[in-house]
Structure formats: C-alpha cells, structure tokens
C-alpha cells in the first residue's frame, strides 16, 4: 500500500535543505517518528488493537541533494509482542523548490499489510487510515521544525 502527504513551507529551498539535514543529524526525525507512531497507536487501541507493538527502530539515509530536489530515505519498524503483525514502512522525505522563498516538503512511502487477505481487509478498514494519519502527523512535526513554527 502506498501512503504519502505534502506540506508547503515558507522557507527557501537551500535553507530547508540545511534544516532537514540538521534535523536528521540531531535525531529529531527519529523522535518525531516515534511521536507520530505512538500517537496513532492510541487510535488502534480504541478499535481493539491495544498494546501490540511499539516503534523501536527508525533508520535514516543521509540527505542527498541536487539543485532541484533533496531527499532522504527513512524506514520505520515495529517490534514487541505483536511486531510481526505490523508492516515496516519504507519512505522518502523530499524537498523541492516551490518558488521564491518556498519549498515543498513531501513524504511518500509504501508498506505491505501482514496476514495476507485478512491483513488486506484490516488495512482497508482500519490500518490504512491510521498509516495516513501517522504520515500526516509526522510531516506536520517536520514542517514545524524546518519552518521554526509550533506544530499545529
């Protein structure tokens, strides 16, 4: 399944690249990942999937940059008693110039629901909306950090 979101930043592209690289170096992307994942785990508990897993591993690749884009790869994995019941997410965080003083921040990724046909059914009804909300919350936090604004 594919999942993604994007946010327009009022930050020039070169500065946005510099700030995203710093967030990766400082571990802020890891803590933002954990925060977004934990927030959505509460929603899963409300629909009857309590305490099955927690995000324990976030992997990042170094920021790659050209004149027209910048990006880094990120992987989220769940573990714990039910860690195998949750898919790993492989995604790209990208920046692209969007005019004078603006940059588009986007995250696109994919995951495969576990448990075959049962997992596909759960994904359509429950897991995909949670995955989309997790990405949206994570991207909002990253956007706030890059823009120097509080997260909404």
N, C-alpha and C. Protein backbone atom coordinates (compact mmCIF):
# COMPACT_ATOMS: atom_id res chain seq x y z
N UNK A 1 0.83 -1.17 0.00
CA UNK A 1 0.00 0.00 0.00
C UNK A 1 0.88 1.24 0.00
N UNK A 2 0.42 2.24 -0.70
CA UNK A 2 1.15 3.50 -0.76
C UNK A 2 0.51 4.50 0.18
N UNK A 3 1.34 5.37 0.73
CA UNK A 3 0.87 6.39 1.64
C UNK A 3 1.77 7.61 1.47
N UNK A 4 1.21 8.80 1.64
CA UNK A 4 2.02 10.00 1.50
C UNK A 4 1.25 11.26 1.86
N UNK A 5 2.00 12.34 1.92
CA UNK A 5 1.42 13.64 2.21
C UNK A 5 2.45 14.69 1.83
N UNK A 6 2.02 15.94 1.75
CA UNK A 6 2.95 17.04 1.45
C UNK A 6 2.51 18.31 2.13
N UNK A 7 3.48 19.20 2.35
CA UNK A 7 3.26 20.47 3.04
C UNK A 7 4.09 21.53 2.33
N UNK A 8 3.50 22.70 2.10
CA UNK A 8 4.23 23.83 1.53
C UNK A 8 4.85 24.64 2.67
N UNK A 9 6.16 24.82 2.60
CA UNK A 9 6.89 25.57 3.63
C UNK A 9 7.22 26.97 3.13
N UNK A 10 7.15 27.94 4.00
CA UNK A 10 7.56 29.30 3.66
C UNK A 10 9.01 29.48 4.07
N UNK A 11 9.85 28.63 3.50
CA UNK A 11 11.30 28.63 3.74
C UNK A 11 11.96 28.39 2.39
N UNK A 12 13.00 29.15 2.07
CA UNK A 12 13.70 28.97 0.81
C UNK A 12 14.34 27.57 0.76
N UNK A 13 14.41 27.02 -0.45
CA UNK A 13 14.91 25.67 -0.64
C UNK A 13 16.29 25.43 -0.02
N UNK A 14 17.29 26.28 -0.24
CA UNK A 14 18.61 25.99 0.36
C UNK A 14 18.56 25.92 1.90
N UNK A 15 17.78 26.80 2.50
CA UNK A 15 17.66 26.80 3.96
C UNK A 15 16.88 25.58 4.45
N UNK A 16 15.83 25.19 3.73
CA UNK A 16 15.06 24.00 4.10
C UNK A 16 15.95 22.76 4.05
N UNK A 17 16.81 22.67 3.03
CA UNK A 17 17.74 21.53 2.93
C UNK A 17 18.68 21.49 4.12
N UNK A 18 19.21 22.63 4.45
CA UNK A 18 20.13 22.72 5.58
C UNK A 18 19.44 22.30 6.88
N UNK A 19 18.22 22.78 7.09
CA UNK A 19 17.49 22.45 8.32
C UNK A 19 17.08 20.98 8.38
N UNK A 20 16.67 20.39 7.24
CA UNK A 20 16.31 18.98 7.24
C UNK A 20 17.52 18.12 7.56
N UNK A 21 18.66 18.44 6.98
CA UNK A 21 19.89 17.69 7.28
C UNK A 21 20.23 17.79 8.76
N UNK A 22 20.06 18.98 9.34
CA UNK A 22 20.35 19.17 10.76
C UNK A 22 19.39 18.36 11.63
N UNK A 23 18.11 18.33 11.24
CA UNK A 23 17.13 17.53 11.99
C UNK A 23 17.52 16.05 11.99
N UNK A 24 17.98 15.57 10.85
CA UNK A 24 18.42 14.17 10.77
C UNK A 24 19.64 13.95 11.65
N UNK A 25 20.60 14.85 11.59
CA UNK A 25 21.83 14.72 12.38
C UNK A 25 21.56 14.79 13.88
N UNK A 26 20.61 15.63 14.28
CA UNK A 26 20.32 15.83 15.70
C UNK A 26 19.37 14.78 16.29
N UNK A 27 18.87 13.87 15.48
CA UNK A 27 17.96 12.84 15.97
C UNK A 27 16.52 13.29 16.07
N UNK A 28 16.20 14.48 15.59
CA UNK A 28 14.84 14.99 15.69
C UNK A 28 13.89 14.17 14.82
N UNK A 29 14.35 13.69 13.67
CA UNK A 29 13.48 12.88 12.82
C UNK A 29 13.13 11.56 13.48
N UNK A 30 14.05 11.02 14.26
CA UNK A 30 13.77 9.78 14.98
C UNK A 30 12.72 10.04 16.05
N UNK A 31 12.88 11.10 16.84
CA UNK A 31 11.89 11.37 17.90
C UNK A 31 10.54 11.77 17.30
N UNK A 32 10.53 12.49 16.18
CA UNK A 32 9.26 12.82 15.52
C UNK A 32 8.58 11.56 15.00
N UNK A 33 9.37 10.61 14.50
CA UNK A 33 8.82 9.33 14.04
C UNK A 33 8.17 8.59 15.20
N UNK A 34 8.87 8.51 16.31
CA UNK A 34 8.34 7.82 17.48
C UNK A 34 7.08 8.49 17.99
N UNK A 35 7.07 9.82 17.99
CA UNK A 35 5.89 10.55 18.44
C UNK A 35 4.68 10.33 17.56
N UNK A 36 4.88 10.38 16.24
CA UNK A 36 3.77 10.15 15.31
C UNK A 36 3.24 8.73 15.43
N UNK A 37 4.13 7.77 15.54
CA UNK A 37 3.74 6.37 15.64
C UNK A 37 2.99 6.12 16.95
N UNK A 38 3.49 6.65 18.05
CA UNK A 38 2.84 6.47 19.36
C UNK A 38 1.46 7.10 19.38
N UNK A 39 1.33 8.28 18.78
CA UNK A 39 0.04 8.97 18.74
C UNK A 39 -1.00 8.11 18.06
N UNK A 40 -0.67 7.49 16.95
CA UNK A 40 -1.63 6.69 16.21
C UNK A 40 -1.87 5.33 16.87
N UNK A 41 -0.92 4.84 17.68
CA UNK A 41 -1.13 3.59 18.40
C UNK A 41 -2.31 3.73 19.37
N UNK A 42 -2.54 4.94 19.89
CA UNK A 42 -3.69 5.19 20.76
C UNK A 42 -4.98 4.95 19.99
N UNK A 43 -5.04 5.37 18.71
CA UNK A 43 -6.23 5.15 17.90
C UNK A 43 -6.45 3.66 17.64
N UNK A 44 -5.38 2.91 17.43
CA UNK A 44 -5.52 1.47 17.24
C UNK A 44 -6.07 0.81 18.50
N UNK A 45 -5.63 1.28 19.66
CA UNK A 45 -6.14 0.72 20.92
C UNK A 45 -7.64 0.95 21.04
N UNK A 46 -8.12 2.08 20.53
CA UNK A 46 -9.54 2.39 20.62
C UNK A 46 -10.40 1.48 19.74
N UNK A 47 -9.79 0.90 18.70
CA UNK A 47 -10.56 0.00 17.85
C UNK A 47 -10.27 -1.46 18.17
N UNK A 48 -9.67 -1.71 19.32
CA UNK A 48 -9.50 -3.07 19.78
C UNK A 48 -8.17 -3.72 19.46
N UNK A 49 -7.15 -2.93 19.16
CA UNK A 49 -5.82 -3.49 18.90
C UNK A 49 -4.84 -2.83 19.88
N UNK A 50 -5.03 -3.08 21.20
CA UNK A 50 -4.22 -2.40 22.20
C UNK A 50 -2.83 -3.01 22.40
N UNK A 51 -1.85 -2.15 22.63
CA UNK A 51 -0.54 -2.54 23.11
C UNK A 51 0.18 -3.63 22.35
N UNK A 52 -0.10 -3.79 21.07
CA UNK A 52 0.52 -4.88 20.34
C UNK A 52 1.98 -4.62 20.00
N UNK A 53 2.33 -3.39 19.78
CA UNK A 53 3.70 -3.14 19.37
C UNK A 53 4.07 -1.70 19.67
N UNK A 54 5.34 -1.43 19.48
CA UNK A 54 5.81 -0.06 19.59
C UNK A 54 6.92 0.13 18.57
N UNK A 55 7.10 1.37 18.16
CA UNK A 55 8.15 1.67 17.21
C UNK A 55 9.47 1.66 17.97
N UNK A 56 10.38 0.81 17.56
CA UNK A 56 11.66 0.77 18.27
C UNK A 56 12.83 1.04 17.34
N UNK A 57 12.58 1.06 16.06
CA UNK A 57 13.70 1.24 15.16
C UNK A 57 13.34 2.19 14.02
N UNK A 58 14.13 3.22 13.88
CA UNK A 58 14.00 4.17 12.78
C UNK A 58 15.36 4.24 12.13
N UNK A 59 15.40 4.01 10.84
CA UNK A 59 16.64 4.09 10.09
C UNK A 59 16.54 5.22 9.08
N UNK A 60 17.61 5.99 8.95
CA UNK A 60 17.66 7.11 8.01
C UNK A 60 18.88 6.99 7.12
N UNK A 61 18.75 7.45 5.89
CA UNK A 61 19.88 7.60 4.97
C UNK A 61 20.24 9.07 4.91
N UNK A 62 21.49 9.36 4.67
CA UNK A 62 21.97 10.74 4.60
C UNK A 62 21.25 11.51 3.50
N UNK A 63 21.03 12.80 3.73
CA UNK A 63 20.36 13.67 2.78
C UNK A 63 21.16 13.76 1.48
N UNK A 64 20.50 13.46 0.37
CA UNK A 64 21.08 13.61 -0.96
C UNK A 64 20.46 14.86 -1.58
N UNK A 65 21.27 15.67 -2.29
CA UNK A 65 20.77 16.94 -2.78
C UNK A 65 21.27 17.26 -4.18
N UNK A 66 20.36 17.83 -4.99
CA UNK A 66 20.72 18.42 -6.27
C UNK A 66 20.21 19.85 -6.24
N UNK A 67 20.31 20.56 -7.36
CA UNK A 67 19.80 21.93 -7.42
C UNK A 67 18.28 21.99 -7.39
N UNK A 68 17.63 20.88 -7.74
CA UNK A 68 16.18 20.90 -7.86
C UNK A 68 15.44 19.99 -6.87
N UNK A 69 16.17 19.25 -6.07
CA UNK A 69 15.49 18.42 -5.07
C UNK A 69 16.50 17.93 -4.02
N UNK A 70 15.96 17.51 -2.92
CA UNK A 70 16.76 16.90 -1.85
C UNK A 70 15.89 15.85 -1.20
N UNK A 71 16.51 14.82 -0.68
CA UNK A 71 15.70 13.80 -0.03
C UNK A 71 16.52 12.84 0.78
N UNK A 72 15.82 12.15 1.64
CA UNK A 72 16.43 11.09 2.42
C UNK A 72 15.43 9.96 2.58
N UNK A 73 15.95 8.78 2.75
CA UNK A 73 15.11 7.59 2.94
C UNK A 73 14.96 7.33 4.43
N UNK A 74 13.79 6.84 4.80
CA UNK A 74 13.50 6.53 6.19
C UNK A 74 12.77 5.19 6.23
N UNK A 75 13.05 4.42 7.26
CA UNK A 75 12.36 3.13 7.47
C UNK A 75 11.89 3.08 8.91
N UNK A 76 10.62 2.73 9.10
CA UNK A 76 10.04 2.54 10.42
C UNK A 76 9.72 1.07 10.57
N UNK A 77 10.08 0.50 11.73
CA UNK A 77 9.76 -0.89 12.02
C UNK A 77 9.17 -1.01 13.41
N UNK A 78 8.17 -1.85 13.54
CA UNK A 78 7.55 -2.11 14.84
C UNK A 78 8.08 -3.43 15.39
N UNK A 79 8.20 -3.48 16.70
CA UNK A 79 8.53 -4.75 17.35
C UNK A 79 7.67 -4.87 18.60
N UNK A 80 7.98 -5.82 19.41
CA UNK A 80 7.19 -6.07 20.61
C UNK A 80 6.42 -7.36 20.40
N UNK A 81 5.51 -7.66 21.31
CA UNK A 81 4.79 -8.93 21.23
C UNK A 81 4.09 -9.14 19.88
N UNK A 82 3.57 -8.10 19.29
CA UNK A 82 2.86 -8.24 18.02
C UNK A 82 3.57 -7.53 16.88
N UNK A 83 4.86 -7.31 16.98
CA UNK A 83 5.59 -6.57 15.97
C UNK A 83 5.44 -7.10 14.56
N UNK A 84 5.34 -8.42 14.44
CA UNK A 84 5.19 -9.01 13.10
C UNK A 84 3.81 -8.77 12.50
N UNK A 85 2.88 -8.32 13.33
CA UNK A 85 1.54 -8.02 12.84
C UNK A 85 1.46 -6.65 12.16
N UNK A 86 2.54 -5.88 12.25
CA UNK A 86 2.55 -4.55 11.68
C UNK A 86 3.61 -4.47 10.60
N UNK A 87 3.29 -3.80 9.49
CA UNK A 87 4.26 -3.70 8.41
C UNK A 87 5.35 -2.69 8.71
N UNK A 88 6.49 -2.88 8.08
CA UNK A 88 7.53 -1.85 8.08
C UNK A 88 7.16 -0.84 7.00
N UNK A 89 7.49 0.42 7.24
CA UNK A 89 7.26 1.48 6.26
C UNK A 89 8.60 1.90 5.69
N UNK A 90 8.71 1.90 4.38
CA UNK A 90 9.86 2.45 3.68
C UNK A 90 9.37 3.68 2.94
N UNK A 91 10.01 4.83 3.22
CA UNK A 91 9.52 6.08 2.65
C UNK A 91 10.67 7.01 2.29
N UNK A 92 10.33 7.98 1.47
CA UNK A 92 11.27 9.05 1.11
C UNK A 92 10.70 10.37 1.59
N UNK A 93 11.55 11.17 2.20
CA UNK A 93 11.21 12.53 2.56
C UNK A 93 11.92 13.41 1.53
N UNK A 94 11.15 14.26 0.82
CA UNK A 94 11.71 15.04 -0.26
C UNK A 94 11.41 16.52 -0.09
N UNK A 95 12.35 17.31 -0.53
CA UNK A 95 12.20 18.76 -0.60
C UNK A 95 12.36 19.17 -2.06
N UNK A 96 11.55 20.15 -2.50
CA UNK A 96 11.67 20.69 -3.85
C UNK A 96 11.36 22.18 -3.80
N UNK A 97 12.10 22.99 -4.56
CA UNK A 97 11.79 24.42 -4.60
C UNK A 97 10.36 24.63 -5.09
N UNK A 98 9.68 25.61 -4.51
CA UNK A 98 8.30 25.92 -4.89
C UNK A 98 8.13 27.42 -5.05
N UNK A 99 9.07 28.05 -5.74
CA UNK A 99 9.02 29.49 -5.95
C UNK A 99 9.95 30.20 -4.97
N UNK A 100 9.95 31.52 -5.07
CA UNK A 100 10.82 32.33 -4.21
C UNK A 100 10.42 32.17 -2.74
N UNK A 101 11.35 31.72 -1.94
CA UNK A 101 11.13 31.61 -0.51
C UNK A 101 10.20 30.50 -0.07
N UNK A 102 9.93 29.54 -0.95
CA UNK A 102 9.03 28.45 -0.57
C UNK A 102 9.62 27.11 -1.01
N UNK A 103 9.27 26.08 -0.26
CA UNK A 103 9.74 24.72 -0.53
C UNK A 103 8.61 23.74 -0.27
N UNK A 104 8.49 22.75 -1.14
CA UNK A 104 7.52 21.69 -0.93
C UNK A 104 8.20 20.55 -0.17
N UNK A 105 7.63 20.16 0.96
CA UNK A 105 8.09 19.03 1.76
C UNK A 105 7.10 17.90 1.52
N UNK A 106 7.59 16.74 1.09
CA UNK A 106 6.70 15.61 0.80
C UNK A 106 7.28 14.34 1.39
N UNK A 107 6.39 13.43 1.75
CA UNK A 107 6.79 12.11 2.20
C UNK A 107 5.91 11.10 1.48
N UNK A 108 6.55 10.16 0.80
CA UNK A 108 5.82 9.09 0.14
C UNK A 108 6.46 7.77 0.53
N UNK A 109 5.64 6.79 0.76
CA UNK A 109 6.18 5.51 1.17
C UNK A 109 5.25 4.37 0.84
N UNK A 110 5.72 3.19 1.17
CA UNK A 110 4.91 2.01 0.94
C UNK A 110 5.11 1.00 2.07
N UNK A 111 4.10 0.19 2.25
CA UNK A 111 4.13 -0.89 3.21
C UNK A 111 3.24 -2.00 2.68
N UNK A 112 3.47 -3.21 3.13
CA UNK A 112 2.65 -4.35 2.75
C UNK A 112 1.96 -4.86 4.01
N UNK A 113 0.62 -4.86 4.01
CA UNK A 113 -0.08 -5.36 5.19
C UNK A 113 0.28 -6.83 5.46
N UNK A 114 0.46 -7.19 6.72
CA UNK A 114 0.73 -8.60 7.05
C UNK A 114 -0.55 -9.42 6.98
N UNK A 115 -0.43 -10.71 7.10
CA UNK A 115 -1.55 -11.65 7.25
C UNK A 115 -2.38 -11.85 5.98
N UNK A 116 -1.80 -11.62 4.81
CA UNK A 116 -2.48 -11.93 3.55
C UNK A 116 -3.81 -11.22 3.39
N UNK A 117 -4.85 -11.98 3.03
CA UNK A 117 -6.17 -11.41 2.75
C UNK A 117 -6.78 -10.75 3.99
N UNK A 118 -6.53 -11.34 5.16
CA UNK A 118 -7.04 -10.75 6.41
C UNK A 118 -6.39 -9.38 6.62
N UNK A 119 -5.08 -9.30 6.40
CA UNK A 119 -4.37 -8.04 6.54
C UNK A 119 -4.85 -7.00 5.53
N UNK A 120 -5.14 -7.43 4.31
CA UNK A 120 -5.67 -6.51 3.29
C UNK A 120 -7.01 -5.93 3.74
N UNK A 121 -7.87 -6.77 4.30
CA UNK A 121 -9.17 -6.30 4.78
C UNK A 121 -9.01 -5.33 5.95
N UNK A 122 -8.14 -5.67 6.89
CA UNK A 122 -7.86 -4.77 8.02
C UNK A 122 -7.28 -3.46 7.54
N UNK A 123 -6.42 -3.53 6.53
CA UNK A 123 -5.79 -2.32 6.01
C UNK A 123 -6.84 -1.37 5.44
N UNK A 124 -7.74 -1.89 4.65
CA UNK A 124 -8.77 -1.04 4.04
C UNK A 124 -9.65 -0.40 5.11
N UNK A 125 -10.00 -1.14 6.13
CA UNK A 125 -10.93 -0.63 7.12
C UNK A 125 -10.31 0.15 8.26
N UNK A 126 -9.12 -0.24 8.68
CA UNK A 126 -8.55 0.35 9.90
C UNK A 126 -7.13 0.85 9.70
N UNK A 127 -6.26 0.00 9.21
CA UNK A 127 -4.83 0.31 9.24
C UNK A 127 -4.41 1.41 8.27
N UNK A 128 -4.97 1.45 7.06
CA UNK A 128 -4.54 2.48 6.11
C UNK A 128 -4.87 3.89 6.59
N UNK A 129 -6.09 4.13 7.11
CA UNK A 129 -6.34 5.48 7.65
C UNK A 129 -5.39 5.84 8.79
N UNK A 130 -5.02 4.87 9.60
CA UNK A 130 -4.06 5.13 10.69
C UNK A 130 -2.68 5.43 10.10
N UNK A 131 -2.28 4.67 9.08
CA UNK A 131 -0.99 4.92 8.43
C UNK A 131 -0.96 6.32 7.82
N UNK A 132 -2.04 6.71 7.15
CA UNK A 132 -2.11 8.05 6.55
C UNK A 132 -2.03 9.14 7.61
N UNK A 133 -2.72 8.94 8.72
CA UNK A 133 -2.68 9.93 9.82
C UNK A 133 -1.28 9.99 10.45
N UNK A 134 -0.62 8.85 10.55
CA UNK A 134 0.74 8.81 11.10
C UNK A 134 1.69 9.63 10.23
N UNK A 135 1.61 9.45 8.92
CA UNK A 135 2.44 10.21 7.99
C UNK A 135 2.12 11.70 8.09
N UNK A 136 0.83 12.03 8.13
CA UNK A 136 0.41 13.43 8.22
C UNK A 136 0.94 14.10 9.50
N UNK A 137 0.84 13.39 10.63
CA UNK A 137 1.34 13.94 11.89
C UNK A 137 2.86 14.10 11.88
N UNK A 138 3.54 13.10 11.36
CA UNK A 138 5.00 13.17 11.26
C UNK A 138 5.42 14.35 10.38
N UNK A 139 4.79 14.48 9.21
CA UNK A 139 5.16 15.55 8.29
C UNK A 139 4.86 16.92 8.88
N UNK A 140 3.77 17.05 9.63
CA UNK A 140 3.45 18.31 10.29
C UNK A 140 4.53 18.69 11.29
N UNK A 141 5.03 17.72 12.04
CA UNK A 141 6.10 17.98 13.01
C UNK A 141 7.39 18.39 12.30
N UNK A 142 7.74 17.68 11.23
CA UNK A 142 8.96 18.02 10.48
C UNK A 142 8.82 19.41 9.86
N UNK A 143 7.65 19.71 9.30
CA UNK A 143 7.41 21.03 8.72
C UNK A 143 7.56 22.13 9.76
N UNK A 144 7.01 21.89 10.94
CA UNK A 144 7.13 22.88 12.02
C UNK A 144 8.59 23.09 12.42
N UNK A 145 9.34 22.01 12.48
CA UNK A 145 10.76 22.11 12.84
C UNK A 145 11.55 22.88 11.77
N UNK A 146 11.30 22.57 10.51
CA UNK A 146 12.01 23.27 9.43
C UNK A 146 11.62 24.74 9.37
N UNK A 147 10.33 25.03 9.58
CA UNK A 147 9.83 26.40 9.50
C UNK A 147 10.10 27.22 10.75
N UNK A 148 10.44 26.53 11.85
CA UNK A 148 10.64 27.23 13.11
C UNK A 148 9.33 27.66 13.73
N UNK A 149 8.25 26.93 13.41
CA UNK A 149 6.91 27.24 13.91
C UNK A 149 6.43 26.11 14.82
N UNK A 150 5.50 26.39 15.73
CA UNK A 150 4.93 25.29 16.52
C UNK A 150 4.11 24.38 15.62
N UNK A 151 4.10 23.09 15.94
CA UNK A 151 3.30 22.13 15.17
C UNK A 151 1.82 22.42 15.41
N UNK A 152 1.01 22.24 14.35
CA UNK A 152 -0.43 22.52 14.50
C UNK A 152 -1.18 21.30 14.95
